[in-house]
Amino acid sequence: SQLDMFTDHVDISQAFVQGELLPGDGHNGNVYISSPPGYEEDSRYIYRLLKPLYGMPSAARAWHTTMSAFLEREGCETVGFEKSMWRVVIDGHRILLGAHIDDFVIACANRPVLDAFRKRLLEAFEGTYEGPLEHYLGCEITRDHIAGTTTLSQKHYAEEILRSYGFWDILPRNTPM
């Protein structure tokens, strides 16, 4: 809010299968699987994977390594010791990027620079532009550019908890101190 940055939300589709297999995966860098249950195929066949699959122990690391390599090619560097926060300066404009697995928040005070960066990200990885940031990791985010404020709320989550324990319809009472 203080820097009056625009914030966009990008969701990468099936992120783990967009990663590259890591050199240490499998036998000599090759990973083989048999046919999945219920798939009618000759049991003598096995398949060599070209991409990681969900459920592979190294799938998340493979995705993070692939995503990190793209961001490094874009000139990004991590922020401190945090491996999911990135920053880069493009044409004199700072871009901040936060990644949680396949959800990205991209912030920049210059809309055209932000749009160009987001476009390159979505050209590199199949995904969708979810629009200006309104929801992220269970939080509702409300921006007021004129007032320079950002409000984070978990109203929906709190309501869900109250409803699940039967407290939603209980009338509040003043408790004397």
N, C-alpha and C. Protein backbone atom coordinates (compact mmCIF):
# COMPACT_ATOMS: atom_id res chain seq x y z
N SER A 1 0.82 -1.19 0.00
CA SER A 1 0.00 0.00 0.00
C SER A 1 0.86 1.26 0.00
N GLN A 2 1.93 1.27 0.79
CA GLN A 2 2.78 2.44 0.88
C GLN A 2 3.43 2.78 -0.45
N LEU A 3 3.74 1.77 -1.24
CA LEU A 3 4.39 2.00 -2.53
C LEU A 3 3.38 2.10 -3.67
N ASP A 4 2.08 1.98 -3.34
CA ASP A 4 0.99 2.06 -4.32
C ASP A 4 1.22 1.13 -5.51
N MET A 5 1.52 -0.13 -5.19
CA MET A 5 1.77 -1.12 -6.23
C MET A 5 0.47 -1.79 -6.66
N PHE A 6 0.40 -2.11 -7.93
CA PHE A 6 -0.68 -2.96 -8.42
C PHE A 6 -0.30 -4.38 -8.04
N THR A 7 -1.27 -5.20 -7.70
CA THR A 7 -0.99 -6.59 -7.33
C THR A 7 -1.88 -7.52 -8.15
N ASP A 8 -1.27 -8.47 -8.82
CA ASP A 8 -1.99 -9.43 -9.65
C ASP A 8 -1.80 -10.83 -9.11
N HIS A 9 -2.78 -11.68 -9.41
CA HIS A 9 -2.77 -13.07 -8.97
C HIS A 9 -2.69 -13.96 -10.21
N VAL A 10 -1.72 -14.87 -10.22
CA VAL A 10 -1.55 -15.82 -11.32
C VAL A 10 -1.56 -17.22 -10.73
N ASP A 11 -2.31 -18.10 -11.37
CA ASP A 11 -2.37 -19.51 -10.95
C ASP A 11 -1.77 -20.36 -12.06
N ILE A 12 -0.76 -21.14 -11.73
CA ILE A 12 -0.13 -22.03 -12.70
C ILE A 12 -0.88 -23.36 -12.68
N SER A 13 -1.33 -23.80 -13.85
CA SER A 13 -2.10 -25.04 -13.96
C SER A 13 -1.18 -26.26 -13.85
N GLN A 14 -1.56 -27.19 -13.02
CA GLN A 14 -0.82 -28.44 -12.86
C GLN A 14 0.69 -28.19 -12.82
N ALA A 15 1.08 -27.38 -11.86
CA ALA A 15 2.47 -26.91 -11.78
C ALA A 15 3.48 -28.05 -11.74
N PHE A 16 3.21 -29.09 -10.97
CA PHE A 16 4.22 -30.14 -10.79
C PHE A 16 4.58 -30.80 -12.12
N VAL A 17 3.60 -30.99 -13.00
CA VAL A 17 3.91 -31.65 -14.28
C VAL A 17 4.53 -30.67 -15.28
N GLN A 18 4.64 -29.40 -14.91
CA GLN A 18 5.33 -28.43 -15.76
C GLN A 18 6.81 -28.31 -15.36
N GLY A 19 7.17 -28.99 -14.29
CA GLY A 19 8.57 -29.01 -13.89
C GLY A 19 9.37 -29.95 -14.77
N GLU A 20 10.67 -29.91 -14.61
CA GLU A 20 11.56 -30.82 -15.34
C GLU A 20 12.08 -31.87 -14.35
N LEU A 21 12.18 -33.11 -14.80
CA LEU A 21 12.75 -34.14 -13.94
C LEU A 21 14.16 -33.72 -13.52
N LEU A 22 14.50 -34.02 -12.30
CA LEU A 22 15.81 -33.65 -11.78
C LEU A 22 16.83 -34.72 -12.14
N PRO A 23 18.11 -34.33 -12.32
CA PRO A 23 19.13 -35.30 -12.74
C PRO A 23 19.24 -36.52 -11.81
N GLY A 24 18.98 -36.37 -10.52
CA GLY A 24 19.11 -37.49 -9.59
C GLY A 24 17.88 -38.37 -9.49
N ASP A 25 16.81 -38.04 -10.22
CA ASP A 25 15.59 -38.84 -10.15
C ASP A 25 15.78 -40.17 -10.86
N GLY A 26 15.18 -41.20 -10.30
CA GLY A 26 15.16 -42.50 -10.95
C GLY A 26 16.53 -43.14 -11.09
N HIS A 27 16.65 -43.97 -12.10
CA HIS A 27 17.89 -44.70 -12.38
C HIS A 27 18.60 -44.00 -13.53
N ASN A 28 19.79 -43.48 -13.27
CA ASN A 28 20.55 -42.74 -14.28
C ASN A 28 19.74 -41.59 -14.89
N GLY A 29 18.93 -40.95 -14.06
CA GLY A 29 18.14 -39.82 -14.54
C GLY A 29 16.86 -40.20 -15.26
N ASN A 30 16.53 -41.49 -15.30
CA ASN A 30 15.31 -41.95 -15.96
C ASN A 30 14.36 -42.51 -14.91
N VAL A 31 13.08 -42.15 -15.03
CA VAL A 31 12.06 -42.64 -14.11
C VAL A 31 11.08 -43.49 -14.92
N TYR A 32 10.83 -44.68 -14.42
CA TYR A 32 9.94 -45.61 -15.10
C TYR A 32 8.76 -45.94 -14.20
N ILE A 33 7.59 -46.12 -14.80
CA ILE A 33 6.40 -46.53 -14.05
C ILE A 33 5.69 -47.64 -14.81
N SER A 34 4.87 -48.41 -14.10
CA SER A 34 4.03 -49.41 -14.75
C SER A 34 2.66 -48.78 -15.02
N SER A 35 1.82 -49.49 -15.72
CA SER A 35 0.48 -48.99 -16.02
C SER A 35 -0.30 -48.75 -14.74
N PRO A 36 -1.07 -47.68 -14.69
CA PRO A 36 -1.88 -47.43 -13.49
C PRO A 36 -2.98 -48.48 -13.34
N PRO A 37 -3.47 -48.72 -12.12
CA PRO A 37 -4.53 -49.70 -11.91
C PRO A 37 -5.76 -49.36 -12.77
N GLY A 38 -6.34 -50.39 -13.35
CA GLY A 38 -7.54 -50.21 -14.16
C GLY A 38 -7.26 -49.88 -15.61
N TYR A 39 -6.02 -49.65 -15.96
CA TYR A 39 -5.65 -49.32 -17.33
C TYR A 39 -5.30 -50.63 -18.03
N GLU A 40 -6.06 -50.97 -19.04
CA GLU A 40 -5.85 -52.23 -19.75
C GLU A 40 -4.65 -52.12 -20.67
N GLU A 41 -3.59 -52.77 -20.28
CA GLU A 41 -2.36 -52.72 -21.05
C GLU A 41 -1.58 -53.99 -20.73
N ASP A 42 -0.74 -54.39 -21.61
CA ASP A 42 0.11 -55.55 -21.40
C ASP A 42 1.04 -55.25 -20.21
N SER A 43 1.01 -56.10 -19.20
CA SER A 43 1.78 -55.86 -17.97
C SER A 43 3.29 -55.92 -18.20
N ARG A 44 3.71 -56.36 -19.37
CA ARG A 44 5.14 -56.41 -19.65
C ARG A 44 5.71 -55.02 -19.99
N TYR A 45 4.82 -54.05 -20.25
CA TYR A 45 5.28 -52.71 -20.62
C TYR A 45 5.48 -51.83 -19.40
N ILE A 46 6.51 -51.02 -19.47
CA ILE A 46 6.71 -49.95 -18.49
C ILE A 46 6.88 -48.66 -19.28
N TYR A 47 6.71 -47.54 -18.61
CA TYR A 47 6.74 -46.25 -19.28
C TYR A 47 7.81 -45.36 -18.65
N ARG A 48 8.55 -44.66 -19.50
CA ARG A 48 9.55 -43.71 -19.02
C ARG A 48 8.88 -42.34 -18.95
N LEU A 49 8.96 -41.72 -17.77
CA LEU A 49 8.35 -40.41 -17.58
C LEU A 49 9.21 -39.33 -18.22
N LEU A 50 8.54 -38.37 -18.83
CA LEU A 50 9.23 -37.21 -19.39
C LEU A 50 9.11 -36.01 -18.46
N LYS A 51 8.11 -36.04 -17.58
CA LYS A 51 7.85 -34.96 -16.63
C LYS A 51 7.51 -35.57 -15.28
N PRO A 52 7.70 -34.80 -14.20
CA PRO A 52 7.31 -35.32 -12.88
C PRO A 52 5.80 -35.51 -12.79
N LEU A 53 5.37 -36.41 -11.94
CA LEU A 53 3.96 -36.62 -11.68
C LEU A 53 3.64 -36.23 -10.24
N TYR A 54 2.42 -35.80 -10.01
CA TYR A 54 1.98 -35.56 -8.63
C TYR A 54 2.15 -36.86 -7.86
N GLY A 55 2.63 -36.76 -6.64
CA GLY A 55 2.85 -37.94 -5.82
C GLY A 55 4.30 -38.41 -5.82
N MET A 56 5.07 -37.99 -6.81
CA MET A 56 6.50 -38.32 -6.79
C MET A 56 7.17 -37.54 -5.67
N PRO A 57 8.05 -38.18 -4.91
CA PRO A 57 8.70 -37.46 -3.81
C PRO A 57 9.42 -36.19 -4.25
N SER A 58 9.93 -36.15 -5.47
CA SER A 58 10.70 -35.00 -5.92
C SER A 58 9.90 -34.03 -6.78
N ALA A 59 8.58 -34.23 -6.93
CA ALA A 59 7.78 -33.39 -7.84
C ALA A 59 7.77 -31.92 -7.42
N ALA A 60 7.60 -31.65 -6.13
CA ALA A 60 7.57 -30.26 -5.67
C ALA A 60 8.93 -29.61 -5.86
N ARG A 61 10.00 -30.32 -5.57
CA ARG A 61 11.34 -29.78 -5.75
C ARG A 61 11.63 -29.54 -7.23
N ALA A 62 11.17 -30.44 -8.09
CA ALA A 62 11.36 -30.28 -9.53
C ALA A 62 10.64 -29.03 -10.03
N TRP A 63 9.41 -28.81 -9.56
CA TRP A 63 8.67 -27.61 -9.96
C TRP A 63 9.39 -26.36 -9.46
N HIS A 64 9.80 -26.36 -8.19
CA HIS A 64 10.47 -25.18 -7.64
C HIS A 64 11.77 -24.89 -8.38
N THR A 65 12.51 -25.92 -8.74
CA THR A 65 13.76 -25.75 -9.47
C THR A 65 13.50 -25.17 -10.86
N THR A 66 12.48 -25.67 -11.55
CA THR A 66 12.13 -25.17 -12.88
C THR A 66 11.66 -23.73 -12.81
N MET A 67 10.77 -23.43 -11.85
CA MET A 67 10.25 -22.08 -11.68
C MET A 67 11.36 -21.11 -11.30
N SER A 68 12.26 -21.53 -10.41
CA SER A 68 13.37 -20.68 -9.98
C SER A 68 14.30 -20.38 -11.15
N ALA A 69 14.56 -21.36 -12.00
CA ALA A 69 15.43 -21.15 -13.16
C ALA A 69 14.82 -20.10 -14.09
N PHE A 70 13.51 -20.16 -14.31
CA PHE A 70 12.85 -19.14 -15.14
C PHE A 70 13.01 -17.75 -14.51
N LEU A 71 12.73 -17.64 -13.22
CA LEU A 71 12.82 -16.33 -12.56
C LEU A 71 14.25 -15.79 -12.58
N GLU A 72 15.23 -16.66 -12.43
CA GLU A 72 16.63 -16.23 -12.50
C GLU A 72 16.98 -15.73 -13.90
N ARG A 73 16.45 -16.41 -14.94
CA ARG A 73 16.68 -15.93 -16.31
C ARG A 73 16.05 -14.55 -16.52
N GLU A 74 14.99 -14.26 -15.79
CA GLU A 74 14.32 -12.95 -15.87
C GLU A 74 15.05 -11.89 -15.06
N GLY A 75 16.12 -12.30 -14.38
CA GLY A 75 16.90 -11.35 -13.58
C GLY A 75 16.46 -11.25 -12.14
N CYS A 76 15.54 -12.10 -11.72
CA CYS A 76 15.04 -12.06 -10.35
C CYS A 76 16.05 -12.66 -9.38
N GLU A 77 15.98 -12.19 -8.15
CA GLU A 77 16.78 -12.77 -7.07
C GLU A 77 15.87 -12.96 -5.86
N THR A 78 16.23 -13.95 -5.04
CA THR A 78 15.41 -14.20 -3.86
C THR A 78 15.62 -13.09 -2.85
N VAL A 79 14.63 -12.93 -1.98
CA VAL A 79 14.68 -11.91 -0.94
C VAL A 79 15.20 -12.57 0.34
N GLY A 80 16.42 -12.21 0.73
CA GLY A 80 17.01 -12.79 1.94
C GLY A 80 17.10 -14.30 1.84
N PHE A 81 16.71 -14.98 2.91
CA PHE A 81 16.75 -16.43 2.94
C PHE A 81 15.45 -17.05 2.45
N GLU A 82 14.47 -16.24 2.14
CA GLU A 82 13.15 -16.73 1.72
C GLU A 82 13.21 -17.18 0.27
N LYS A 83 12.96 -18.45 0.03
CA LYS A 83 13.06 -19.01 -1.32
C LYS A 83 11.78 -18.88 -2.13
N SER A 84 10.74 -18.28 -1.55
CA SER A 84 9.49 -18.11 -2.29
C SER A 84 9.17 -16.64 -2.54
N MET A 85 10.08 -15.75 -2.17
CA MET A 85 9.92 -14.31 -2.43
C MET A 85 11.04 -13.87 -3.37
N TRP A 86 10.66 -13.16 -4.42
CA TRP A 86 11.61 -12.75 -5.44
C TRP A 86 11.46 -11.26 -5.70
N ARG A 87 12.53 -10.64 -6.22
CA ARG A 87 12.47 -9.24 -6.62
C ARG A 87 13.35 -9.04 -7.85
N VAL A 88 12.95 -8.05 -8.64
CA VAL A 88 13.72 -7.67 -9.82
C VAL A 88 13.39 -6.22 -10.14
N VAL A 89 14.32 -5.50 -10.74
CA VAL A 89 14.07 -4.14 -11.22
C VAL A 89 14.13 -4.18 -12.74
N ILE A 90 13.03 -3.77 -13.38
CA ILE A 90 12.94 -3.75 -14.83
C ILE A 90 12.59 -2.33 -15.25
N ASP A 91 13.41 -1.75 -16.11
CA ASP A 91 13.21 -0.37 -16.58
C ASP A 91 13.01 0.60 -15.42
N GLY A 92 13.75 0.37 -14.35
CA GLY A 92 13.68 1.27 -13.19
C GLY A 92 12.50 1.02 -12.27
N HIS A 93 11.71 -0.01 -12.54
CA HIS A 93 10.52 -0.32 -11.72
C HIS A 93 10.73 -1.65 -11.00
N ARG A 94 10.52 -1.62 -9.70
CA ARG A 94 10.69 -2.82 -8.87
C ARG A 94 9.46 -3.72 -9.00
N ILE A 95 9.72 -5.00 -9.21
CA ILE A 95 8.67 -6.02 -9.21
C ILE A 95 8.95 -6.93 -8.03
N LEU A 96 7.93 -7.20 -7.24
CA LEU A 96 8.00 -8.15 -6.14
C LEU A 96 7.12 -9.33 -6.51
N LEU A 97 7.59 -10.53 -6.23
CA LEU A 97 6.84 -11.72 -6.58
C LEU A 97 6.87 -12.69 -5.41
N GLY A 98 5.70 -13.15 -5.00
CA GLY A 98 5.58 -14.17 -3.98
C GLY A 98 4.99 -15.42 -4.60
N ALA A 99 5.55 -16.56 -4.28
CA ALA A 99 5.06 -17.82 -4.86
C ALA A 99 4.73 -18.79 -3.74
N HIS A 100 3.55 -19.37 -3.82
CA HIS A 100 3.19 -20.47 -2.93
C HIS A 100 2.76 -21.62 -3.83
N ILE A 101 3.66 -22.52 -4.08
CA ILE A 101 3.51 -23.67 -4.97
C ILE A 101 3.14 -23.17 -6.37
N ASP A 102 1.84 -23.11 -6.69
CA ASP A 102 1.42 -22.72 -8.04
C ASP A 102 0.66 -21.39 -8.07
N ASP A 103 0.60 -20.70 -6.95
CA ASP A 103 -0.08 -19.40 -6.87
C ASP A 103 0.96 -18.30 -6.72
N PHE A 104 0.87 -17.32 -7.61
CA PHE A 104 1.82 -16.21 -7.60
C PHE A 104 1.10 -14.90 -7.32
N VAL A 105 1.73 -14.05 -6.54
CA VAL A 105 1.32 -12.66 -6.37
C VAL A 105 2.44 -11.83 -6.97
N ILE A 106 2.09 -10.97 -7.92
CA ILE A 106 3.08 -10.13 -8.58
C ILE A 106 2.69 -8.68 -8.31
N ALA A 107 3.64 -7.88 -7.81
CA ALA A 107 3.35 -6.49 -7.47
C ALA A 107 4.35 -5.56 -8.15
N CYS A 108 3.84 -4.44 -8.68
CA CYS A 108 4.68 -3.43 -9.31
C CYS A 108 3.88 -2.14 -9.38
N ALA A 109 4.54 -1.01 -9.21
CA ALA A 109 3.85 0.28 -9.26
C ALA A 109 3.54 0.71 -10.69
N ASN A 110 4.18 0.08 -11.68
CA ASN A 110 3.96 0.43 -13.08
C ASN A 110 3.16 -0.67 -13.76
N ARG A 111 1.93 -0.38 -14.13
CA ARG A 111 1.04 -1.39 -14.71
C ARG A 111 1.60 -2.02 -15.98
N PRO A 112 2.11 -1.26 -16.96
CA PRO A 112 2.64 -1.91 -18.18
C PRO A 112 3.82 -2.85 -17.89
N VAL A 113 4.71 -2.50 -16.98
CA VAL A 113 5.83 -3.37 -16.63
C VAL A 113 5.30 -4.64 -15.96
N LEU A 114 4.32 -4.50 -15.08
CA LEU A 114 3.71 -5.67 -14.43
C LEU A 114 3.04 -6.57 -15.45
N ASP A 115 2.28 -5.97 -16.36
CA ASP A 115 1.59 -6.76 -17.39
C ASP A 115 2.58 -7.52 -18.27
N ALA A 116 3.68 -6.89 -18.65
CA ALA A 116 4.68 -7.54 -19.51
C ALA A 116 5.34 -8.71 -18.77
N PHE A 117 5.66 -8.52 -17.49
CA PHE A 117 6.27 -9.60 -16.71
C PHE A 117 5.29 -10.77 -16.57
N ARG A 118 4.04 -10.46 -16.25
CA ARG A 118 3.02 -11.51 -16.10
C ARG A 118 2.84 -12.27 -17.40
N LYS A 119 2.87 -11.57 -18.52
CA LYS A 119 2.72 -12.21 -19.83
C LYS A 119 3.87 -13.19 -20.08
N ARG A 120 5.11 -12.79 -19.74
CA ARG A 120 6.26 -13.70 -19.91
C ARG A 120 6.13 -14.93 -19.02
N LEU A 121 5.64 -14.73 -17.79
CA LEU A 121 5.44 -15.86 -16.88
C LEU A 121 4.44 -16.85 -17.48
N LEU A 122 3.34 -16.32 -18.03
CA LEU A 122 2.30 -17.20 -18.58
C LEU A 122 2.68 -17.77 -19.95
N GLU A 123 3.68 -17.19 -20.60
CA GLU A 123 4.21 -17.81 -21.82
C GLU A 123 5.13 -18.97 -21.46
N ALA A 124 5.82 -18.85 -20.33
CA ALA A 124 6.74 -19.91 -19.90
C ALA A 124 6.01 -21.09 -19.29
N PHE A 125 4.91 -20.82 -18.57
CA PHE A 125 4.16 -21.87 -17.89
C PHE A 125 2.68 -21.70 -18.19
N GLU A 126 2.01 -22.84 -18.42
CA GLU A 126 0.57 -22.79 -18.65
C GLU A 126 -0.12 -22.41 -17.35
N GLY A 127 -0.95 -21.39 -17.42
CA GLY A 127 -1.65 -20.93 -16.23
C GLY A 127 -2.70 -19.90 -16.59
N THR A 128 -3.29 -19.30 -15.57
CA THR A 128 -4.33 -18.31 -15.80
C THR A 128 -4.07 -17.06 -14.97
N TYR A 129 -4.44 -15.95 -15.57
CA TYR A 129 -4.39 -14.67 -14.87
C TYR A 129 -5.71 -14.55 -14.12
N GLU A 130 -5.65 -14.50 -12.80
CA GLU A 130 -6.84 -14.47 -11.97
C GLU A 130 -7.34 -13.05 -11.71
N GLY A 131 -6.62 -12.06 -12.25
CA GLY A 131 -7.02 -10.67 -12.07
C GLY A 131 -6.29 -10.02 -10.91
N PRO A 132 -6.70 -8.81 -10.56
CA PRO A 132 -6.10 -8.15 -9.40
C PRO A 132 -6.29 -9.02 -8.16
N LEU A 133 -5.33 -8.97 -7.28
CA LEU A 133 -5.35 -9.83 -6.09
C LEU A 133 -6.55 -9.50 -5.20
N GLU A 134 -7.41 -10.49 -4.98
CA GLU A 134 -8.57 -10.34 -4.09
C GLU A 134 -8.61 -11.45 -3.05
N HIS A 135 -8.11 -12.64 -3.41
CA HIS A 135 -8.06 -13.79 -2.50
C HIS A 135 -6.70 -14.46 -2.65
N TYR A 136 -6.11 -14.83 -1.51
CA TYR A 136 -4.83 -15.53 -1.57
C TYR A 136 -4.65 -16.30 -0.27
N LEU A 137 -4.44 -17.60 -0.40
CA LEU A 137 -4.16 -18.49 0.73
C LEU A 137 -5.19 -18.33 1.85
N GLY A 138 -6.46 -18.26 1.49
CA GLY A 138 -7.52 -18.19 2.48
C GLY A 138 -7.82 -16.81 3.00
N CYS A 139 -7.14 -15.80 2.51
CA CYS A 139 -7.39 -14.42 2.96
C CYS A 139 -8.12 -13.64 1.86
N GLU A 140 -9.02 -12.77 2.30
CA GLU A 140 -9.63 -11.82 1.37
C GLU A 140 -8.82 -10.54 1.46
N ILE A 141 -8.50 -9.97 0.31
CA ILE A 141 -7.67 -8.76 0.26
C ILE A 141 -8.47 -7.65 -0.41
N THR A 142 -8.57 -6.52 0.28
CA THR A 142 -9.28 -5.36 -0.26
C THR A 142 -8.30 -4.20 -0.34
N ARG A 143 -8.18 -3.64 -1.54
CA ARG A 143 -7.27 -2.51 -1.75
C ARG A 143 -8.08 -1.24 -1.98
N ASP A 144 -7.62 -0.15 -1.38
CA ASP A 144 -8.17 1.18 -1.64
C ASP A 144 -7.00 2.04 -2.06
N HIS A 145 -6.83 2.20 -3.38
CA HIS A 145 -5.68 2.95 -3.89
C HIS A 145 -5.75 4.42 -3.50
N ILE A 146 -6.94 4.98 -3.42
CA ILE A 146 -7.09 6.39 -3.08
C ILE A 146 -6.66 6.63 -1.63
N ALA A 147 -7.13 5.80 -0.71
CA ALA A 147 -6.77 5.94 0.71
C ALA A 147 -5.38 5.37 1.00
N GLY A 148 -4.84 4.56 0.08
CA GLY A 148 -3.53 3.95 0.29
C GLY A 148 -3.55 2.85 1.34
N THR A 149 -4.66 2.10 1.39
CA THR A 149 -4.78 1.05 2.39
C THR A 149 -5.00 -0.31 1.75
N THR A 150 -4.60 -1.34 2.48
CA THR A 150 -4.87 -2.72 2.12
C THR A 150 -5.42 -3.40 3.36
N THR A 151 -6.53 -4.11 3.20
CA THR A 151 -7.16 -4.80 4.31
C THR A 151 -7.14 -6.30 4.05
N LEU A 152 -6.64 -7.05 5.01
CA LEU A 152 -6.66 -8.51 4.95
C LEU A 152 -7.74 -9.01 5.90
N SER A 153 -8.51 -9.99 5.45
CA SER A 153 -9.59 -10.51 6.28
C SER A 153 -9.71 -12.01 6.07
N GLN A 154 -10.15 -12.68 7.12
CA GLN A 154 -10.50 -14.09 7.01
C GLN A 154 -11.95 -14.28 7.46
N LYS A 155 -12.79 -13.34 7.09
CA LYS A 155 -14.20 -13.36 7.47
C LYS A 155 -14.86 -14.68 7.06
N HIS A 156 -14.65 -15.10 5.83
CA HIS A 156 -15.26 -16.33 5.34
C HIS A 156 -14.81 -17.52 6.18
N TYR A 157 -13.52 -17.59 6.50
CA TYR A 157 -12.98 -18.68 7.29
C TYR A 157 -13.57 -18.67 8.71
N ALA A 158 -13.63 -17.48 9.33
CA ALA A 158 -14.19 -17.37 10.68
C ALA A 158 -15.66 -17.79 10.68
N GLU A 159 -16.40 -17.36 9.66
CA GLU A 159 -17.81 -17.73 9.56
C GLU A 159 -17.96 -19.25 9.42
N GLU A 160 -17.11 -19.85 8.60
CA GLU A 160 -17.15 -21.30 8.40
C GLU A 160 -16.90 -22.05 9.72
N ILE A 161 -15.94 -21.58 10.51
CA ILE A 161 -15.63 -22.20 11.80
C ILE A 161 -16.82 -22.07 12.74
N LEU A 162 -17.39 -20.88 12.83
CA LEU A 162 -18.55 -20.67 13.70
C LEU A 162 -19.72 -21.56 13.29
N ARG A 163 -19.98 -21.65 11.99
CA ARG A 163 -21.08 -22.50 11.51
C ARG A 163 -20.81 -23.98 11.81
N SER A 164 -19.57 -24.43 11.61
CA SER A 164 -19.27 -25.85 11.80
C SER A 164 -19.42 -26.28 13.25
N TYR A 165 -19.25 -25.36 14.20
CA TYR A 165 -19.41 -25.70 15.62
C TYR A 165 -20.75 -25.25 16.19
N GLY A 166 -21.66 -24.81 15.31
CA GLY A 166 -23.00 -24.44 15.75
C GLY A 166 -23.08 -23.13 16.51
N PHE A 167 -22.11 -22.24 16.35
CA PHE A 167 -22.10 -20.97 17.06
C PHE A 167 -22.57 -19.80 16.21
N TRP A 168 -22.92 -20.03 14.96
CA TRP A 168 -23.27 -18.93 14.06
C TRP A 168 -24.53 -18.19 14.51
N ASP A 169 -25.54 -18.91 14.99
CA ASP A 169 -26.81 -18.28 15.34
C ASP A 169 -26.90 -17.86 16.81
N ILE A 170 -25.84 -17.99 17.56
CA ILE A 170 -25.86 -17.62 18.98
C ILE A 170 -25.78 -16.10 19.08
N LEU A 171 -26.64 -15.54 19.91
CA LEU A 171 -26.67 -14.09 20.11
C LEU A 171 -25.54 -13.69 21.07
N PRO A 172 -24.86 -12.60 20.76
CA PRO A 172 -23.77 -12.18 21.65
C PRO A 172 -24.33 -11.63 22.97
N ARG A 173 -23.59 -11.75 24.04
CA ARG A 173 -23.96 -11.25 25.36
C ARG A 173 -22.82 -10.38 25.88
N ASN A 174 -23.18 -9.34 26.57
CA ASN A 174 -22.17 -8.54 27.24
C ASN A 174 -21.74 -9.28 28.50
N THR A 175 -20.47 -9.37 28.70
CA THR A 175 -19.93 -10.02 29.88
C THR A 175 -19.36 -8.95 30.79
N PRO A 176 -19.91 -8.82 32.01
CA PRO A 176 -19.36 -7.77 32.89
C PRO A 176 -17.94 -8.11 33.31
N MET A 177 -17.14 -7.08 33.46
CA MET A 177 -15.76 -7.27 33.90
C MET A 177 -15.63 -7.07 35.38
